Amino acid sequence: MAIISCPSCDKNISSQSDVCPHCGFQRDEVAEERLRELRRRKLRDRVYQLKMASYAALTLLIGAFGWYLAATGGFQYRASAGPYILFTVGAAFYLVIRVYLYKFKAALRKLNT
């Protein structure tokens, strides 16, 4: 008996079980091509979610810049720490998301070939 990942929910299940106890997915009724399509669909959904998260991170960056401009009166004075912290968090968030996005896009390209 081996532990495998459920094609539907990616949770660990026994290789001998016909039905996933977590999501109810029935492995015996599924052809290999359908499993590939399920994996493809999950990867596409994850890429979409990461793209939306990267837009949120860019919004944080633009908001931090706007906050900086509003606080300094157009680069004339030094702003408080708030805009700098928001910009740093937004930039780190954006970079992490882009790394994951690259990883999932590469997995999707590999699955399509």
PDB file of N, CA and C in Angstrom:
ATOM      1  N   MET A   1       0.836  -1.170   0.000  1.00  0.00           N
ATOM      2  CA  MET A   1       0.000   0.000   0.000  1.00  0.00           C
ATOM      3  C   MET A   1       0.891   1.247   0.000  1.00  0.00           C
ATOM      4  N   ALA A   2       0.583   2.167  -0.883  1.00  0.00           N
ATOM      5  CA  ALA A   2       1.333   3.410  -0.984  1.00  0.00           C
ATOM      6  C   ALA A   2       0.401   4.598  -0.756  1.00  0.00           C
ATOM      7  N   ILE A   3       0.992   5.698  -0.404  1.00  0.00           N
ATOM      8  CA  ILE A   3       0.234   6.928  -0.225  1.00  0.00           C
ATOM      9  C   ILE A   3       0.403   7.768  -1.498  1.00  0.00           C
ATOM     10  N   ILE A   4      -0.722   8.167  -2.080  1.00  0.00           N
ATOM     11  CA  ILE A   4      -0.705   8.979  -3.295  1.00  0.00           C
ATOM     12  C   ILE A   4      -1.534  10.236  -3.057  1.00  0.00           C
ATOM     13  N   SER A   5      -1.446  11.177  -3.970  1.00  0.00           N
ATOM     14  CA  SER A   5      -2.249  12.393  -3.895  1.00  0.00           C
ATOM     15  C   SER A   5      -3.529  12.201  -4.679  1.00  0.00           C
ATOM     16  N   CYS A   6      -4.616  12.661  -4.121  1.00  0.00           N
ATOM     17  CA  CYS A   6      -5.899  12.629  -4.831  1.00  0.00           C
ATOM     18  C   CYS A   6      -5.810  13.595  -6.012  1.00  0.00           C
ATOM     19  N   PRO A   7      -6.226  13.191  -7.210  1.00  0.00           N
ATOM     20  CA  PRO A   7      -6.155  14.076  -8.367  1.00  0.00           C
ATOM     21  C   PRO A   7      -7.077  15.287  -8.252  1.00  0.00           C
ATOM     22  N   SER A   8      -8.085  15.186  -7.423  1.00  0.00           N
ATOM     23  CA  SER A   8      -9.042  16.271  -7.302  1.00  0.00           C
ATOM     24  C   SER A   8      -8.670  17.289  -6.227  1.00  0.00           C
ATOM     25  N   CYS A   9      -8.330  16.798  -5.021  1.00  0.00           N
ATOM     26  CA  CYS A   9      -8.081  17.731  -3.907  1.00  0.00           C
ATOM     27  C   CYS A   9      -6.629  17.761  -3.437  1.00  0.00           C
ATOM     28  N   ASP A  10      -5.762  16.924  -3.977  1.00  0.00           N
ATOM     29  CA  ASP A  10      -4.329  16.872  -3.649  1.00  0.00           C
ATOM     30  C   ASP A  10      -4.027  16.470  -2.212  1.00  0.00           C
ATOM     31  N   LYS A  11      -4.977  15.856  -1.529  1.00  0.00           N
ATOM     32  CA  LYS A  11      -4.707  15.368  -0.182  1.00  0.00           C
ATOM     33  C   LYS A  11      -4.223  13.921  -0.278  1.00  0.00           C
ATOM     34  N   ASN A  12      -3.481  13.469   0.726  1.00  0.00           N
ATOM     35  CA  ASN A  12      -2.922  12.120   0.716  1.00  0.00           C
ATOM     36  C   ASN A  12      -4.008  11.084   0.981  1.00  0.00           C
ATOM     37  N   ILE A  13      -4.012  10.043   0.122  1.00  0.00           N
ATOM     38  CA  ILE A  13      -4.945   8.932   0.285  1.00  0.00           C
ATOM     39  C   ILE A  13      -4.193   7.631   0.014  1.00  0.00           C
ATOM     40  N   SER A  14      -4.804   6.539   0.370  1.00  0.00           N
ATOM     41  CA  SER A  14      -4.222   5.233   0.115  1.00  0.00           C
ATOM     42  C   SER A  14      -4.358   4.892  -1.363  1.00  0.00           C
ATOM     43  N   SER A  15      -3.377   4.201  -1.901  1.00  0.00           N
ATOM     44  CA  SER A  15      -3.446   3.810  -3.312  1.00  0.00           C
ATOM     45  C   SER A  15      -4.484   2.717  -3.538  1.00  0.00           C
ATOM     46  N   GLN A  16      -4.909   2.060  -2.493  1.00  0.00           N
ATOM     47  CA  GLN A  16      -5.898   0.995  -2.623  1.00  0.00           C
ATOM     48  C   GLN A  16      -7.334   1.488  -2.507  1.00  0.00           C
ATOM     49  N   SER A  17      -7.532   2.713  -2.043  1.00  0.00           N
ATOM     50  CA  SER A  17      -8.898   3.210  -1.907  1.00  0.00           C
ATOM     51  C   SER A  17      -9.412   3.681  -3.260  1.00  0.00           C
ATOM     52  N   ASP A  18     -10.669   3.371  -3.524  1.00  0.00           N
ATOM     53  CA  ASP A  18     -11.288   3.754  -4.786  1.00  0.00           C
ATOM     54  C   ASP A  18     -11.904   5.144  -4.727  1.00  0.00           C
ATOM     55  N   VAL A  19     -12.234   5.605  -3.516  1.00  0.00           N
ATOM     56  CA  VAL A  19     -12.886   6.890  -3.333  1.00  0.00           C
ATOM     57  C   VAL A  19     -12.070   7.719  -2.347  1.00  0.00           C
ATOM     58  N   CYS A  20     -11.876   8.972  -2.674  1.00  0.00           N
ATOM     59  CA  CYS A  20     -11.155   9.877  -1.765  1.00  0.00           C
ATOM     60  C   CYS A  20     -12.052  10.187  -0.566  1.00  0.00           C
ATOM     61  N   PRO A  21     -11.565   9.955   0.663  1.00  0.00           N
ATOM     62  CA  PRO A  21     -12.398  10.249   1.833  1.00  0.00           C
ATOM     63  C   PRO A  21     -12.586  11.746   2.081  1.00  0.00           C
ATOM     64  N   HIS A  22     -11.772  12.586   1.449  1.00  0.00           N
ATOM     65  CA  HIS A  22     -11.852  14.024   1.674  1.00  0.00           C
ATOM     66  C   HIS A  22     -12.846  14.703   0.741  1.00  0.00           C
ATOM     67  N   CYS A  23     -12.814  14.334  -0.540  1.00  0.00           N
ATOM     68  CA  CYS A  23     -13.662  15.031  -1.515  1.00  0.00           C
ATOM     69  C   CYS A  23     -14.647  14.123  -2.237  1.00  0.00           C
ATOM     70  N   GLY A  24     -14.520  12.817  -2.092  1.00  0.00           N
ATOM     71  CA  GLY A  24     -15.438  11.886  -2.734  1.00  0.00           C
ATOM     72  C   GLY A  24     -15.096  11.559  -4.176  1.00  0.00           C
ATOM     73  N   PHE A  25     -13.923  11.916  -4.634  1.00  0.00           N
ATOM     74  CA  PHE A  25     -13.496  11.643  -6.006  1.00  0.00           C
ATOM     75  C   PHE A  25     -13.289  10.140  -6.191  1.00  0.00           C
ATOM     76  N   GLN A  26     -13.851   9.580  -7.260  1.00  0.00           N
ATOM     77  CA  GLN A  26     -13.718   8.149  -7.530  1.00  0.00           C
ATOM     78  C   GLN A  26     -12.631   7.938  -8.572  1.00  0.00           C
ATOM     79  N   ARG A  27     -11.564   7.269  -8.144  1.00  0.00           N
ATOM     80  CA  ARG A  27     -10.397   7.091  -9.014  1.00  0.00           C
ATOM     81  C   ARG A  27     -10.614   6.053 -10.097  1.00  0.00           C
ATOM     82  N   ASP A  28     -11.360   5.023  -9.847  1.00  0.00           N
ATOM     83  CA  ASP A  28     -11.491   3.927 -10.803  1.00  0.00           C
ATOM     84  C   ASP A  28     -12.217   4.322 -12.082  1.00  0.00           C
ATOM     85  N   GLU A  29     -13.097   5.285 -11.989  1.00  0.00           N
ATOM     86  CA  GLU A  29     -13.898   5.660 -13.147  1.00  0.00           C
ATOM     87  C   GLU A  29     -13.212   6.667 -14.065  1.00  0.00           C
ATOM     88  N   VAL A  30     -12.016   7.075 -13.704  1.00  0.00           N
ATOM     89  CA  VAL A  30     -11.373   8.165 -14.419  1.00  0.00           C
ATOM     90  C   VAL A  30     -10.244   7.646 -15.305  1.00  0.00           C
ATOM     91  N   ALA A  31     -10.263   8.085 -16.548  1.00  0.00           N
ATOM     92  CA  ALA A  31      -9.195   7.725 -17.483  1.00  0.00           C
ATOM     93  C   ALA A  31      -7.987   8.640 -17.247  1.00  0.00           C
ATOM     94  N   GLU A  32      -6.859   8.226 -17.750  1.00  0.00           N
ATOM     95  CA  GLU A  32      -5.625   8.993 -17.567  1.00  0.00           C
ATOM     96  C   GLU A  32      -5.728  10.387 -18.205  1.00  0.00           C
ATOM     97  N   GLU A  33      -6.392  10.485 -19.344  1.00  0.00           N
ATOM     98  CA  GLU A  33      -6.537  11.790 -19.999  1.00  0.00           C
ATOM     99  C   GLU A  33      -7.371  12.741 -19.153  1.00  0.00           C
ATOM    100  N   ARG A  34      -8.375  12.211 -18.492  1.00  0.00           N
ATOM    101  CA  ARG A  34      -9.195  13.059 -17.607  1.00  0.00           C
ATOM    102  C   ARG A  34      -8.373  13.527 -16.399  1.00  0.00           C
ATOM    103  N   LEU A  35      -7.500  12.688 -15.893  1.00  0.00           N
ATOM    104  CA  LEU A  35      -6.641  13.089 -14.784  1.00  0.00           C
ATOM    105  C   LEU A  35      -5.703  14.221 -15.208  1.00  0.00           C
ATOM    106  N   ARG A  36      -5.169  14.110 -16.430  1.00  0.00           N
ATOM    107  CA  ARG A  36      -4.305  15.178 -16.944  1.00  0.00           C
ATOM    108  C   ARG A  36      -5.090  16.485 -17.085  1.00  0.00           C
ATOM    109  N   GLU A  37      -6.332  16.374 -17.547  1.00  0.00           N
ATOM    110  CA  GLU A  37      -7.163  17.569 -17.695  1.00  0.00           C
ATOM    111  C   GLU A  37      -7.481  18.196 -16.333  1.00  0.00           C
ATOM    112  N   LEU A  38      -7.721  17.365 -15.331  1.00  0.00           N
ATOM    113  CA  LEU A  38      -7.949  17.885 -13.978  1.00  0.00           C
ATOM    114  C   LEU A  38      -6.717  18.617 -13.458  1.00  0.00           C
ATOM    115  N   ARG A  39      -5.539  18.043 -13.663  1.00  0.00           N
ATOM    116  CA  ARG A  39      -4.296  18.699 -13.234  1.00  0.00           C
ATOM    117  C   ARG A  39      -4.090  20.018 -13.977  1.00  0.00           C
ATOM    118  N   ARG A  40      -4.356  19.995 -15.293  1.00  0.00           N
ATOM    119  CA  ARG A  40      -4.228  21.204 -16.107  1.00  0.00           C
ATOM    120  C   ARG A  40      -5.157  22.304 -15.599  1.00  0.00           C
ATOM    121  N   ARG A  41      -6.397  21.916 -15.320  1.00  0.00           N
ATOM    122  CA  ARG A  41      -7.382  22.887 -14.853  1.00  0.00           C
ATOM    123  C   ARG A  41      -6.980  23.478 -13.506  1.00  0.00           C
ATOM    124  N   LYS A  42      -6.475  22.643 -12.609  1.00  0.00           N
ATOM    125  CA  LYS A  42      -6.042  23.135 -11.302  1.00  0.00           C
ATOM    126  C   LYS A  42      -4.864  24.102 -11.435  1.00  0.00           C
ATOM    127  N   LEU A  43      -3.935  23.776 -12.329  1.00  0.00           N
ATOM    128  CA  LEU A  43      -2.797  24.668 -12.538  1.00  0.00           C
ATOM    129  C   LEU A  43      -3.234  25.993 -13.161  1.00  0.00           C
ATOM    130  N   ARG A  44      -4.160  25.933 -14.112  1.00  0.00           N
ATOM    131  CA  ARG A  44      -4.663  27.168 -14.720  1.00  0.00           C
ATOM    132  C   ARG A  44      -5.379  28.026 -13.684  1.00  0.00           C
ATOM    133  N   ASP A  45      -6.166  27.400 -12.818  1.00  0.00           N
ATOM    134  CA  ASP A  45      -6.846  28.146 -11.762  1.00  0.00           C
ATOM    135  C   ASP A  45      -5.847  28.796 -10.813  1.00  0.00           C
ATOM    136  N   ARG A  46      -4.796  28.067 -10.478  1.00  0.00           N
ATOM    137  CA  ARG A  46      -3.782  28.603  -9.568  1.00  0.00           C
ATOM    138  C   ARG A  46      -3.041  29.779 -10.215  1.00  0.00           C
ATOM    139  N   VAL A  47      -2.744  29.672 -11.507  1.00  0.00           N
ATOM    140  CA  VAL A  47      -2.092  30.773 -12.225  1.00  0.00           C
ATOM    141  C   VAL A  47      -3.001  32.001 -12.217  1.00  0.00           C
ATOM    142  N   TYR A  48      -4.298  31.796 -12.434  1.00  0.00           N
ATOM    143  CA  TYR A  48      -5.244  32.906 -12.418  1.00  0.00           C
ATOM    144  C   TYR A  48      -5.273  33.574 -11.036  1.00  0.00           C
ATOM    145  N   GLN A  49      -5.324  32.765  -9.980  1.00  0.00           N
ATOM    146  CA  GLN A  49      -5.340  33.311  -8.625  1.00  0.00           C
ATOM    147  C   GLN A  49      -4.066  34.102  -8.324  1.00  0.00           C
ATOM    148  N   LEU A  50      -2.942  33.594  -8.773  1.00  0.00           N
ATOM    149  CA  LEU A  50      -1.682  34.301  -8.542  1.00  0.00           C
ATOM    150  C   LEU A  50      -1.621  35.614  -9.325  1.00  0.00           C
ATOM    151  N   LYS A  51      -2.180  35.630 -10.518  1.00  0.00           N
ATOM    152  CA  LYS A  51      -2.225  36.877 -11.280  1.00  0.00           C
ATOM    153  C   LYS A  51      -3.069  37.912 -10.558  1.00  0.00           C
ATOM    154  N   MET A  52      -4.204  37.491 -10.019  1.00  0.00           N
ATOM    155  CA  MET A  52      -5.051  38.422  -9.278  1.00  0.00           C
ATOM    156  C   MET A  52      -4.339  38.929  -8.025  1.00  0.00           C
ATOM    157  N   ALA A  53      -3.597  38.067  -7.361  1.00  0.00           N
ATOM    158  CA  ALA A  53      -2.845  38.481  -6.176  1.00  0.00           C
ATOM    159  C   ALA A  53      -1.731  39.453  -6.565  1.00  0.00           C
ATOM    160  N   SER A  54      -1.123  39.259  -7.737  1.00  0.00           N
ATOM    161  CA  SER A  54      -0.075  40.195  -8.160  1.00  0.00           C
ATOM    162  C   SER A  54      -0.671  41.570  -8.459  1.00  0.00           C
ATOM    163  N   TYR A  55      -1.910  41.622  -8.954  1.00  0.00           N
ATOM    164  CA  TYR A  55      -2.575  42.904  -9.158  1.00  0.00           C
ATOM    165  C   TYR A  55      -2.838  43.586  -7.815  1.00  0.00           C
ATOM    166  N   ALA A  56      -3.183  42.813  -6.798  1.00  0.00           N
ATOM    167  CA  ALA A  56      -3.388  43.373  -5.461  1.00  0.00           C
ATOM    168  C   ALA A  56      -2.069  43.935  -4.915  1.00  0.00           C
ATOM    169  N   ALA A  57      -0.969  43.236  -5.153  1.00  0.00           N
ATOM    170  CA  ALA A  57       0.332  43.716  -4.694  1.00  0.00           C
ATOM    171  C   ALA A  57       0.715  45.007  -5.416  1.00  0.00           C
ATOM    172  N   LEU A  58       0.430  45.083  -6.708  1.00  0.00           N
ATOM    173  CA  LEU A  58       0.705  46.324  -7.444  1.00  0.00           C
ATOM    174  C   LEU A  58      -0.154  47.468  -6.930  1.00  0.00           C
ATOM    175  N   THR A  59      -1.384  47.164  -6.531  1.00  0.00           N
ATOM    176  CA  THR A  59      -2.247  48.178  -5.947  1.00  0.00           C
ATOM    177  C   THR A  59      -1.653  48.701  -4.645  1.00  0.00           C
ATOM    178  N   LEU A  60      -1.070  47.792  -3.841  1.00  0.00           N
ATOM    179  CA  LEU A  60      -0.388  48.225  -2.623  1.00  0.00           C
ATOM    180  C   LEU A  60       0.770  49.167  -2.948  1.00  0.00           C
ATOM    181  N   LEU A  61       1.532  48.832  -3.971  1.00  0.00           N
ATOM    182  CA  LEU A  61       2.666  49.680  -4.360  1.00  0.00           C
ATOM    183  C   LEU A  61       2.198  51.063  -4.814  1.00  0.00           C
ATOM    184  N   ILE A  62       1.161  51.107  -5.620  1.00  0.00           N
ATOM    185  CA  ILE A  62       0.641  52.387  -6.095  1.00  0.00           C
ATOM    186  C   ILE A  62       0.043  53.178  -4.933  1.00  0.00           C
ATOM    187  N   GLY A  63      -0.658  52.479  -4.032  1.00  0.00           N
ATOM    188  CA  GLY A  63      -1.207  53.144  -2.855  1.00  0.00           C
ATOM    189  C   GLY A  63      -0.118  53.727  -1.970  1.00  0.00           C
ATOM    190  N   ALA A  64       0.977  52.991  -1.809  1.00  0.00           N
ATOM    191  CA  ALA A  64       2.091  53.498  -1.003  1.00  0.00           C
ATOM    192  C   ALA A  64       2.701  54.741  -1.644  1.00  0.00           C
ATOM    193  N   PHE A  65       2.822  54.725  -2.952  1.00  0.00           N
ATOM    194  CA  PHE A  65       3.369  55.890  -3.643  1.00  0.00           C
ATOM    195  C   PHE A  65       2.437  57.091  -3.509  1.00  0.00           C
ATOM    196  N   GLY A  66       1.119  56.860  -3.648  1.00  0.00           N
ATOM    197  CA  GLY A  66       0.151  57.941  -3.476  1.00  0.00           C
ATOM    198  C   GLY A  66       0.159  58.481  -2.060  1.00  0.00           C
ATOM    199  N   TRP A  67       0.282  57.593  -1.088  1.00  0.00           N
ATOM    200  CA  TRP A  67       0.347  58.016   0.311  1.00  0.00           C
ATOM    201  C   TRP A  67       1.601  58.868   0.545  1.00  0.00           C
ATOM    202  N   TYR A  68       2.708  58.440  -0.056  1.00  0.00           N
ATOM    203  CA  TYR A  68       3.952  59.201   0.074  1.00  0.00           C
ATOM    204  C   TYR A  68       3.796  60.601  -0.519  1.00  0.00           C
ATOM    205  N   LEU A  69       3.203  60.684  -1.712  1.00  0.00           N
ATOM    206  CA  LEU A  69       3.012  61.996  -2.351  1.00  0.00           C
ATOM    207  C   LEU A  69       2.081  62.881  -1.534  1.00  0.00           C
ATOM    208  N   ALA A  70       1.025  62.303  -0.986  1.00  0.00           N
ATOM    209  CA  ALA A  70       0.078  63.083  -0.196  1.00  0.00           C
ATOM    210  C   ALA A  70       0.715  63.557   1.116  1.00  0.00           C
ATOM    211  N   ALA A  71       1.553  62.717   1.701  1.00  0.00           N
ATOM    212  CA  ALA A  71       2.162  63.058   2.991  1.00  0.00           C
ATOM    213  C   ALA A  71       3.291  64.078   2.843  1.00  0.00           C
ATOM    214  N   THR A  72       3.975  64.064   1.712  1.00  0.00           N
ATOM    215  CA  THR A  72       5.140  64.949   1.559  1.00  0.00           C
ATOM    216  C   THR A  72       4.819  66.225   0.804  1.00  0.00           C
ATOM    217  N   GLY A  73       3.649  66.307   0.222  1.00  0.00           N
ATOM    218  CA  GLY A  73       3.329  67.510  -0.555  1.00  0.00           C
ATOM    219  C   GLY A  73       4.122  67.590  -1.837  1.00  0.00           C
ATOM    220  N   GLY A  74       4.375  66.475  -2.468  1.00  0.00           N
ATOM    221  CA  GLY A  74       5.084  66.465  -3.746  1.00  0.00           C
ATOM    222  C   GLY A  74       6.583  66.426  -3.589  1.00  0.00           C
ATOM    223  N   PHE A  75       7.104  65.573  -2.783  1.00  0.00           N
ATOM    224  CA  PHE A  75       8.531  65.327  -2.585  1.00  0.00           C
ATOM    225  C   PHE A  75       9.268  66.466  -1.866  1.00  0.00           C
ATOM    226  N   GLN A  76       8.544  67.337  -1.183  1.00  0.00           N
ATOM    227  CA  GLN A  76       9.212  68.462  -0.530  1.00  0.00           C
ATOM    228  C   GLN A  76       9.663  68.131   0.888  1.00  0.00           C
ATOM    229  N   TYR A  77       8.939  67.239   1.553  1.00  0.00           N
ATOM    230  CA  TYR A  77       9.248  66.905   2.948  1.00  0.00           C
ATOM    231  C   TYR A  77       9.407  65.398   3.091  1.00  0.00           C
ATOM    232  N   ARG A  78       9.967  64.991   4.195  1.00  0.00           N
ATOM    233  CA  ARG A  78      10.126  63.556   4.480  1.00  0.00           C
ATOM    234  C   ARG A  78       8.831  63.012   5.066  1.00  0.00           C
ATOM    235  N   ALA A  79       8.385  61.884   4.562  1.00  0.00           N
ATOM    236  CA  ALA A  79       7.135  61.275   5.025  1.00  0.00           C
ATOM    237  C   ALA A  79       7.385  60.435   6.273  1.00  0.00           C
ATOM    238  N   SER A  80       6.301  60.043   6.914  1.00  0.00           N
ATOM    239  CA  SER A  80       6.409  59.135   8.054  1.00  0.00           C
ATOM    240  C   SER A  80       6.803  57.750   7.551  1.00  0.00           C
ATOM    241  N   ALA A  81       6.915  56.816   8.447  1.00  0.00           N
ATOM    242  CA  ALA A  81       7.368  55.467   8.077  1.00  0.00           C
ATOM    243  C   ALA A  81       6.290  54.663   7.361  1.00  0.00           C
ATOM    244  N   GLY A  82       5.044  55.075   7.456  1.00  0.00           N
ATOM    245  CA  GLY A  82       3.927  54.320   6.869  1.00  0.00           C
ATOM    246  C   GLY A  82       4.073  53.992   5.396  1.00  0.00           C
ATOM    247  N   PRO A  83       4.298  55.002   4.534  1.00  0.00           N
ATOM    248  CA  PRO A  83       4.429  54.694   3.102  1.00  0.00           C
ATOM    249  C   PRO A  83       5.613  53.780   2.791  1.00  0.00           C
ATOM    250  N   TYR A  84       6.696  53.940   3.528  1.00  0.00           N
ATOM    251  CA  TYR A  84       7.875  53.095   3.293  1.00  0.00           C
ATOM    252  C   TYR A  84       7.586  51.634   3.650  1.00  0.00           C
ATOM    253  N   ILE A  85       6.891  51.453   4.774  1.00  0.00           N
ATOM    254  CA  ILE A  85       6.547  50.086   5.197  1.00  0.00           C
ATOM    255  C   ILE A  85       5.589  49.458   4.201  1.00  0.00           C
ATOM    256  N   LEU A  86       4.557  50.206   3.789  1.00  0.00           N
ATOM    257  CA  LEU A  86       3.591  49.683   2.827  1.00  0.00           C
ATOM    258  C   LEU A  86       4.270  49.349   1.504  1.00  0.00           C
ATOM    259  N   PHE A  87       5.184  50.184   1.064  1.00  0.00           N
ATOM    260  CA  PHE A  87       5.903  49.918  -0.180  1.00  0.00           C
ATOM    261  C   PHE A  87       6.759  48.655  -0.048  1.00  0.00           C
ATOM    262  N   THR A  88       7.438  48.490   1.074  1.00  0.00           N
ATOM    263  CA  THR A  88       8.278  47.309   1.282  1.00  0.00           C
ATOM    264  C   THR A  88       7.449  46.037   1.310  1.00  0.00           C
ATOM    265  N   VAL A  89       6.323  46.078   2.021  1.00  0.00           N
ATOM    266  CA  VAL A  89       5.439  44.907   2.086  1.00  0.00           C
ATOM    267  C   VAL A  89       4.888  44.591   0.702  1.00  0.00           C
ATOM    268  N   GLY A  90       4.438  45.604  -0.020  1.00  0.00           N
ATOM    269  CA  GLY A  90       3.899  45.391  -1.364  1.00  0.00           C
ATOM    270  C   GLY A  90       4.939  44.829  -2.321  1.00  0.00           C
ATOM    271  N   ALA A  91       6.162  45.348  -2.246  1.00  0.00           N
ATOM    272  CA  ALA A  91       7.221  44.856  -3.138  1.00  0.00           C
ATOM    273  C   ALA A  91       7.587  43.409  -2.815  1.00  0.00           C
ATOM    274  N   ALA A  92       7.700  43.083  -1.528  1.00  0.00           N
ATOM    275  CA  ALA A  92       8.024  41.702  -1.149  1.00  0.00           C
ATOM    276  C   ALA A  92       6.900  40.754  -1.560  1.00  0.00           C
ATOM    277  N   PHE A  93       5.671  41.168  -1.322  1.00  0.00           N
ATOM    278  CA  PHE A  93       4.498  40.380  -1.709  1.00  0.00           C
ATOM    279  C   PHE A  93       4.500  40.133  -3.216  1.00  0.00           C
ATOM    280  N   TYR A  94       4.763  41.165  -3.986  1.00  0.00           N
ATOM    281  CA  TYR A  94       4.781  41.046  -5.445  1.00  0.00           C
ATOM    282  C   TYR A  94       5.877  40.089  -5.920  1.00  0.00           C
ATOM    283  N   LEU A  95       7.065  40.202  -5.358  1.00  0.00           N
ATOM    284  CA  LEU A  95       8.168  39.331  -5.777  1.00  0.00           C
ATOM    285  C   LEU A  95       7.907  37.869  -5.441  1.00  0.00           C
ATOM    286  N   VAL A  96       7.369  37.603  -4.271  1.00  0.00           N
ATOM    287  CA  VAL A  96       7.053  36.220  -3.893  1.00  0.00           C
ATOM    288  C   VAL A  96       5.995  35.649  -4.828  1.00  0.00           C
ATOM    289  N   ILE A  97       4.984  36.429  -5.126  1.00  0.00           N
ATOM    290  CA  ILE A  97       3.925  35.973  -6.030  1.00  0.00           C
ATOM    291  C   ILE A  97       4.484  35.684  -7.413  1.00  0.00           C
ATOM    292  N   ARG A  98       5.377  36.530  -7.900  1.00  0.00           N
ATOM    293  CA  ARG A  98       5.941  36.307  -9.233  1.00  0.00           C
ATOM    294  C   ARG A  98       6.778  35.041  -9.292  1.00  0.00           C
ATOM    295  N   VAL A  99       7.466  34.698  -8.211  1.00  0.00           N
ATOM    296  CA  VAL A  99       8.233  33.445  -8.172  1.00  0.00           C
ATOM    297  C   VAL A  99       7.279  32.250  -8.266  1.00  0.00           C
ATOM    298  N   TYR A 100       6.213  32.288  -7.473  1.00  0.00           N
ATOM    299  CA  TYR A 100       5.240  31.197  -7.533  1.00  0.00           C
ATOM    300  C   TYR A 100       4.548  31.141  -8.892  1.00  0.00           C
ATOM    301  N   LEU A 101       4.264  32.280  -9.466  1.00  0.00           N
ATOM    302  CA  LEU A 101       3.628  32.316 -10.773  1.00  0.00           C
ATOM    303  C   LEU A 101       4.532  31.689 -11.832  1.00  0.00           C
ATOM    304  N   TYR A 102       5.819  31.976 -11.782  1.00  0.00           N
ATOM    305  CA  TYR A 102       6.771  31.363 -12.702  1.00  0.00           C
ATOM    306  C   TYR A 102       6.789  29.844 -12.521  1.00  0.00           C
ATOM    307  N   LYS A 103       6.783  29.409 -11.271  1.00  0.00           N
ATOM    308  CA  LYS A 103       6.822  27.977 -10.969  1.00  0.00           C
ATOM    309  C   LYS A 103       5.583  27.261 -11.517  1.00  0.00           C
ATOM    310  N   PHE A 104       4.403  27.817 -11.306  1.00  0.00           N
ATOM    311  CA  PHE A 104       3.177  27.174 -11.764  1.00  0.00           C
ATOM    312  C   PHE A 104       3.030  27.243 -13.281  1.00  0.00           C
ATOM    313  N   LYS A 105       3.484  28.325 -13.901  1.00  0.00           N
ATOM    314  CA  LYS A 105       3.441  28.395 -15.361  1.00  0.00           C
ATOM    315  C   LYS A 105       4.378  27.353 -15.981  1.00  0.00           C
ATOM    316  N   ALA A 106       5.543  27.149 -15.366  1.00  0.00           N
ATOM    317  CA  ALA A 106       6.467  26.135 -15.880  1.00  0.00           C
ATOM    318  C   ALA A 106       5.852  24.736 -15.740  1.00  0.00           C
ATOM    319  N   ALA A 107       5.177  24.477 -14.629  1.00  0.00           N
ATOM    320  CA  ALA A 107       4.521  23.182 -14.439  1.00  0.00           C
ATOM    321  C   ALA A 107       3.407  22.994 -15.456  1.00  0.00           C
ATOM    322  N   LEU A 108       2.688  24.050 -15.758  1.00  0.00           N
ATOM    323  CA  LEU A 108       1.606  23.973 -16.755  1.00  0.00           C
ATOM    324  C   LEU A 108       2.177  23.715 -18.149  1.00  0.00           C
ATOM    325  N   ARG A 109       3.282  24.380 -18.493  1.00  0.00           N
ATOM    326  CA  ARG A 109       3.917  24.134 -19.796  1.00  0.00           C
ATOM    327  C   ARG A 109       4.423  22.695 -19.885  1.00  0.00           C
ATOM    328  N   LYS A 110       4.972  22.198 -18.800  1.00  0.00           N
ATOM    329  CA  LYS A 110       5.479  20.821 -18.780  1.00  0.00           C
ATOM    330  C   LYS A 110       4.341  19.825 -18.946  1.00  0.00           C
ATOM    331  N   LEU A 111       3.203  20.101 -18.342  1.00  0.00           N
ATOM    332  CA  LEU A 111       2.052  19.213 -18.431  1.00  0.00           C
ATOM    333  C   LEU A 111       1.433  19.243 -19.824  1.00  0.00           C
ATOM    334  N   ASN A 112       1.507  20.384 -20.502  1.00  0.00           N
ATOM    335  CA  ASN A 112       0.932  20.498 -21.840  1.00  0.00           C
ATOM    336  C   ASN A 112       1.754  19.821 -22.913  1.00  0.00           C
ATOM    337  N   THR A 113       3.046  19.567 -22.637  1.00  0.00           N
ATOM    338  CA  THR A 113       3.876  18.930 -23.665  1.00  0.00           C
ATOM    339  C   THR A 113       3.792  17.442 -23.597  1.00  0.00           C
TER     340      THR A 113
END
